[in-house]
Protein backbone atom coordinates (compact mmCIF):
# COMPACT_ATOMS: atom_id res chain seq x y z
CA MET A 1 30.79 12.45 -27.99
CA PRO A 2 28.73 11.36 -24.97
CA GLU A 3 30.49 9.07 -22.50
CA PHE A 4 29.65 5.38 -22.65
CA PHE A 5 28.24 3.81 -19.50
CA THR A 6 26.59 0.45 -18.81
CA ALA A 7 23.77 -0.69 -16.56
CA LEU A 8 22.22 -3.80 -15.01
CA ILE A 9 18.45 -3.89 -14.31
CA VAL A 10 17.28 -6.12 -11.47
CA ASP A 11 13.58 -6.78 -10.79
CA ASP A 12 11.61 -9.98 -10.26
CA GLU A 13 8.82 -8.73 -12.55
CA THR A 14 9.54 -8.71 -16.29
CA PRO A 15 7.03 -5.92 -17.11
CA MET A 16 8.78 -3.61 -14.66
CA ARG A 17 12.16 -4.32 -16.24
CA GLU A 18 10.68 -3.59 -19.67
CA GLN A 19 9.11 -0.34 -18.48
CA LEU A 20 12.37 0.86 -16.95
CA LYS A 21 14.33 -0.03 -20.10
CA THR A 22 11.86 1.94 -22.22
CA ARG A 23 12.09 4.98 -19.95
CA LEU A 24 15.88 4.82 -19.84
CA LYS A 25 16.06 4.84 -23.63
CA GLU A 26 14.06 8.06 -23.58
CA VAL A 27 16.03 9.95 -20.92
CA TRP A 28 19.52 8.42 -21.28
CA PRO A 29 19.83 6.84 -24.75
CA GLU A 30 23.62 6.48 -24.44
CA LEU A 31 23.28 4.13 -21.47
CA HIS A 32 23.83 0.52 -22.55
CA ILE A 33 21.81 -2.14 -20.71
CA VAL A 34 24.25 -5.04 -20.56
CA ALA A 35 22.13 -7.49 -18.54
CA GLU A 36 18.97 -8.13 -16.52
CA ALA A 37 18.31 -10.24 -13.44
CA GLY A 38 15.22 -11.39 -11.59
CA ASN A 39 16.61 -11.69 -8.04
CA GLY A 40 19.47 -10.63 -5.82
CA ILE A 41 21.53 -13.76 -6.33
CA ALA A 42 21.39 -13.44 -10.13
CA ALA A 43 22.14 -9.72 -9.77
CA ILE A 44 25.45 -10.46 -8.04
CA GLU A 45 26.35 -13.02 -10.71
CA GLN A 46 25.49 -10.68 -13.59
CA ALA A 47 27.31 -7.77 -11.97
CA LYS A 48 30.44 -9.88 -11.58
CA LEU A 49 30.21 -10.98 -15.21
CA HIS A 50 29.44 -7.60 -16.84
CA GLN A 51 30.89 -5.05 -14.38
CA PRO A 52 28.14 -2.43 -14.98
CA ASP A 53 28.57 1.20 -14.00
CA VAL A 54 25.00 1.47 -12.69
CA ILE A 55 22.67 -1.09 -11.11
CA PHE A 56 18.92 -0.43 -10.90
CA LEU A 57 17.93 -2.68 -8.02
CA ASP A 58 14.46 -3.70 -6.86
CA ILE A 59 14.24 -3.87 -3.06
CA ARG A 60 11.79 -6.75 -2.59
CA MET A 61 12.78 -9.91 -4.46
CA PRO A 62 12.78 -13.66 -3.72
CA GLY A 63 15.97 -15.40 -2.60
CA LYS A 64 18.12 -12.39 -1.82
CA SER A 65 16.63 -8.90 -1.46
CA GLY A 66 17.95 -5.83 -3.24
CA ILE A 67 19.24 -4.47 0.06
CA GLU A 68 21.22 -7.66 0.71
CA ALA A 69 22.59 -7.61 -2.83
CA ALA A 70 23.56 -3.95 -2.47
CA ARG A 71 25.88 -4.83 0.41
CA GLN A 72 28.04 -6.73 -2.09
CA LEU A 73 27.53 -4.42 -5.04
CA SER A 74 27.70 -0.88 -3.64
CA GLN A 75 31.49 -0.64 -4.00
CA GLN A 76 31.35 -1.94 -7.57
CA ALA A 77 28.70 0.31 -9.15
CA GLN A 78 26.32 3.19 -8.59
CA ILE A 79 23.16 1.77 -6.97
CA VAL A 80 19.64 3.02 -7.65
CA PHE A 81 16.95 1.31 -5.59
CA VAL A 82 13.62 0.84 -7.37
CA THR A 83 10.66 0.17 -5.10
CA ALA A 84 6.89 0.13 -5.08
CA TYR A 85 6.89 1.18 -1.44
CA ASP A 86 7.75 4.64 -0.18
CA GLU A 87 8.09 3.60 3.49
CA TYR A 88 11.80 2.88 3.15
CA ALA A 89 14.31 5.32 4.68
CA ILE A 90 13.73 8.08 2.12
CA GLU A 91 15.71 10.57 4.20
CA ALA A 92 18.73 8.29 3.95
CA PHE A 93 18.44 8.20 0.17
CA GLU A 94 18.29 11.99 0.07
CA GLN A 95 21.78 12.16 1.55
CA GLY A 96 22.99 11.50 -1.97
CA ALA A 97 25.16 8.38 -1.56
CA MET A 98 22.48 6.35 -3.30
CA ASP A 99 19.30 7.14 -5.16
CA TYR A 100 15.83 5.63 -5.40
CA LEU A 101 12.88 5.49 -7.79
CA LEU A 102 9.27 4.70 -6.95
CA LYS A 103 7.26 2.35 -9.15
CA PRO A 104 5.79 2.98 -11.62
CA VAL A 105 8.86 4.94 -12.66
CA ASP A 106 8.13 8.58 -13.49
CA ALA A 107 10.02 9.89 -16.55
CA GLU A 108 10.81 13.27 -14.97
CA ARG A 109 12.10 11.69 -11.76
CA LEU A 110 14.15 9.20 -13.76
CA ALA A 111 15.70 12.03 -15.81
CA THR A 112 16.80 13.75 -12.59
CA THR A 113 18.29 10.50 -11.28
CA CYS A 114 20.15 9.89 -14.54
CA LYS A 115 21.70 13.39 -14.50
CA ARG A 116 22.83 12.77 -10.93
CA LEU A 117 24.31 9.41 -11.95
CA GLN A 118 26.22 10.92 -14.86
CA GLN A 119 27.76 13.52 -12.58
CA ARG A 120 28.86 10.85 -10.13
CA LEU A 121 30.25 8.59 -12.83
CA LYS A 122 32.32 11.43 -14.27
CA SER A 123 33.86 12.01 -10.86
CA ALA A 124 36.86 9.86 -10.00
CA LYS A 125 35.88 10.04 -6.35
CA ALA A 126 32.41 8.63 -7.06
CA ALA A 127 33.80 5.92 -9.31
CA THR A 128 36.21 4.75 -6.61
CA PRO A 129 34.57 5.32 -3.21
CA ASP A 130 36.91 6.15 -0.35
CA SER A 131 36.52 4.66 3.12
CA LYS A 132 34.34 7.56 4.26
CA SER A 133 31.79 7.13 1.46
CA ALA A 134 31.93 3.35 1.89
CA ASP A 135 31.08 3.76 5.57
CA GLN A 136 28.23 6.13 4.67
CA ILE A 137 26.76 3.61 2.24
CA GLU A 138 27.02 0.82 4.83
CA GLN A 139 25.22 2.96 7.41
CA MET A 140 22.50 3.73 4.86
CA LEU A 141 22.03 0.05 4.09
CA LYS A 142 21.69 -0.72 7.78
CA GLN A 143 19.09 2.02 8.14
CA ILE A 144 17.12 0.89 5.08
CA MET A 145 17.27 -2.74 6.23
CA GLN A 146 15.97 -1.72 9.65
CA HIS A 147 13.06 0.18 8.12
CA SER A 148 12.25 -2.60 5.68
CA HIS A 149 11.68 -5.10 8.49
CA ALA A 150 9.67 -2.76 10.69
CA GLY A 151 6.04 -1.71 10.72
CA LYS A 152 3.28 -3.05 8.50
CA PRO A 153 3.73 -5.83 5.98
CA ASP A 154 4.41 -4.81 2.39
CA TYR A 155 1.06 -4.72 0.64
CA LEU A 156 0.38 -4.35 -3.05
CA ARG A 157 0.27 -0.67 -4.04
CA TRP A 158 -0.24 -0.89 -7.80
CA ILE A 159 -1.74 -3.25 -10.36
CA GLN A 160 -0.34 -4.09 -13.80
CA ALA A 161 -2.90 -4.29 -16.62
CA SER A 162 -2.24 -4.84 -20.31
CA VAL A 163 -3.94 -2.35 -22.61
CA GLY A 164 -3.28 -3.34 -26.22
CA SER A 165 0.49 -3.51 -26.62
CA SER A 166 1.20 -1.29 -23.61
CA LEU A 167 1.32 -1.84 -19.85
CA ARG A 168 -0.82 0.34 -17.59
CA MET A 169 0.24 0.81 -13.98
CA ILE A 170 -2.81 1.42 -11.76
CA SER A 171 -2.41 2.68 -8.21
CA THR A 172 -4.62 0.89 -5.68
CA LYS A 173 -5.77 4.37 -4.65
CA GLU A 174 -7.45 4.70 -8.06
CA ILE A 175 -9.33 1.40 -7.83
CA LEU A 176 -13.00 1.34 -6.78
CA PHE A 177 -13.39 -2.43 -6.74
CA PHE A 178 -12.21 -5.77 -8.10
CA ARG A 179 -14.71 -8.31 -9.42
CA SER A 180 -14.24 -11.86 -10.66
CA ASP A 181 -15.29 -12.27 -14.28
CA GLU A 182 -14.88 -15.93 -15.31
CA LYS A 183 -11.20 -16.34 -16.30
CA TYR A 184 -10.36 -12.72 -15.52
CA THR A 185 -10.61 -10.23 -12.68
CA ARG A 186 -12.18 -6.90 -13.50
CA VAL A 187 -10.39 -3.83 -12.14
CA GLN A 188 -12.72 -0.83 -11.96
CA THR A 189 -11.55 2.78 -11.63
CA GLU A 190 -13.59 5.95 -12.01
CA GLN A 191 -12.34 6.39 -15.57
CA ALA A 192 -12.18 2.87 -16.97
CA GLU A 193 -12.21 -0.87 -16.37
CA PHE A 194 -9.37 -3.30 -16.99
CA LEU A 195 -9.10 -7.07 -17.07
CA ILE A 196 -6.25 -8.93 -15.39
CA ARG A 197 -5.57 -12.64 -14.91
CA LYS A 198 -4.69 -12.43 -11.21
CA PRO A 199 -7.28 -14.43 -9.16
CA LEU A 200 -9.34 -12.55 -6.59
CA LYS A 201 -8.03 -14.71 -3.74
CA GLU A 202 -4.45 -13.90 -4.66
CA LEU A 203 -5.31 -10.20 -4.80
CA GLU A 204 -7.03 -10.35 -1.42
CA ASP A 205 -3.93 -11.86 0.18
CA ALA A 206 -1.68 -9.18 -1.35
CA LEU A 207 -3.85 -6.13 -0.60
CA ASP A 208 -3.98 -4.16 2.65
CA PRO A 209 -7.06 -5.38 4.61
CA ASP A 210 -7.39 -1.84 5.99
CA GLU A 211 -7.80 -0.61 2.42
CA PHE A 212 -9.88 -3.33 0.74
CA TRP A 213 -12.72 -5.50 2.02
CA ARG A 214 -14.14 -8.65 0.48
CA ILE A 215 -17.91 -8.13 0.45
CA HIS A 216 -18.77 -11.10 -1.75
CA ARG A 217 -16.98 -14.20 -3.03
CA SER A 218 -16.57 -12.35 -6.32
CA THR A 219 -15.97 -8.78 -5.09
CA LEU A 220 -13.31 -6.74 -3.29
CA VAL A 221 -14.11 -3.07 -2.69
CA ARG A 222 -11.87 -0.21 -1.60
CA ILE A 223 -13.25 0.92 1.73
CA ASP A 224 -12.89 4.66 1.25
CA ALA A 225 -14.59 4.41 -2.16
CA ILE A 226 -17.86 3.35 -0.50
CA SER A 227 -20.39 6.18 -0.49
CA GLU A 228 -23.33 4.34 1.09
CA VAL A 229 -24.82 0.94 1.87
CA THR A 230 -28.53 0.33 1.29
CA ARG A 231 -30.99 -2.58 1.32
CA ASP A 232 -33.15 -3.64 -1.57
CA PHE A 233 -36.75 -4.97 -1.29
CA ARG A 234 -35.37 -8.47 -0.61
CA GLY A 235 -33.28 -7.25 2.31
CA ARG A 236 -29.93 -7.62 0.56
CA GLN A 237 -27.22 -5.12 1.37
CA LEU A 238 -25.95 -3.16 -1.62
CA VAL A 239 -22.77 -1.09 -1.70
CA GLN A 240 -22.73 2.11 -3.72
CA VAL A 241 -19.26 3.32 -4.65
CA LYS A 242 -18.33 6.91 -5.38
CA ASN A 243 -18.60 8.24 -8.94
CA HIS A 244 -19.83 4.94 -10.36
CA PRO A 245 -23.41 3.81 -11.05
CA GLU A 246 -22.96 0.10 -10.29
CA LYS A 247 -24.21 -1.30 -6.98
CA LEU A 248 -22.32 -4.21 -5.45
CA GLU A 249 -24.08 -6.95 -3.53
CA VAL A 250 -22.90 -7.88 -0.05
CA SER A 251 -23.17 -11.63 0.59
CA ARG A 252 -24.62 -12.99 3.83
CA ASN A 253 -21.17 -14.10 4.98
CA HIS A 254 -19.98 -10.48 4.90
CA THR A 255 -22.96 -8.54 6.26
CA HIS A 256 -21.11 -8.23 9.58
CA LEU A 257 -18.96 -5.57 7.93
CA PHE A 258 -21.95 -3.25 8.08
CA GLN A 259 -23.49 -4.26 11.39
CA GLN A 260 -25.18 -0.93 12.02
CA MET A 261 -27.65 -1.57 9.21
């Protein structure tokens, strides 16, 4: 019979917790999810209550971050950091004391992580870390914390869109533009369009300004998706994006973005 292990999933976004649970059922059906939490403080409380063997821990959360929570939880359970950002000390993760997953979680990568976890959990040494491994984990947490506070702010790298009964994760690298559409915001990729409820202003604040420009009160465009900018017979600037027929109007307040015209 397969060994019985338990897990706690911690993420401040419910759709991400649901996606991870679904993937875990596929690659590790024997793993029992005993609890969920939406922030680091709740994670510590749930871990104390349920004593899970594994904790899947989001890095960026309100209240107490995943890194801060891991300081209290790393001696209690196997920690797997789940993050939308790949800037964090990846080399430190590769040392093997902890593991990480990038959002949206890839099934193949998750399967590899789960096999690694099972091997650790079956080892008495991994289940009860000695002082050497405890010191290694503490050094890793210091390194990850240092990286997480350095460099550029953490910008949005993917968008969640509901498609029927499923959740589609769209990388910002796939998106040509965002456009307000009454109650919704239209997300346009080369292959399809999606509707989300996130307001354009909120998106603008969360996106990297070096990646997306607002060219109109109703439009955000990915800069490297722009193929050309032209003028129509009325003198308006029009943005043509790559591999899409639609032309996007540039408002007067944003014509400075294309001053050479």
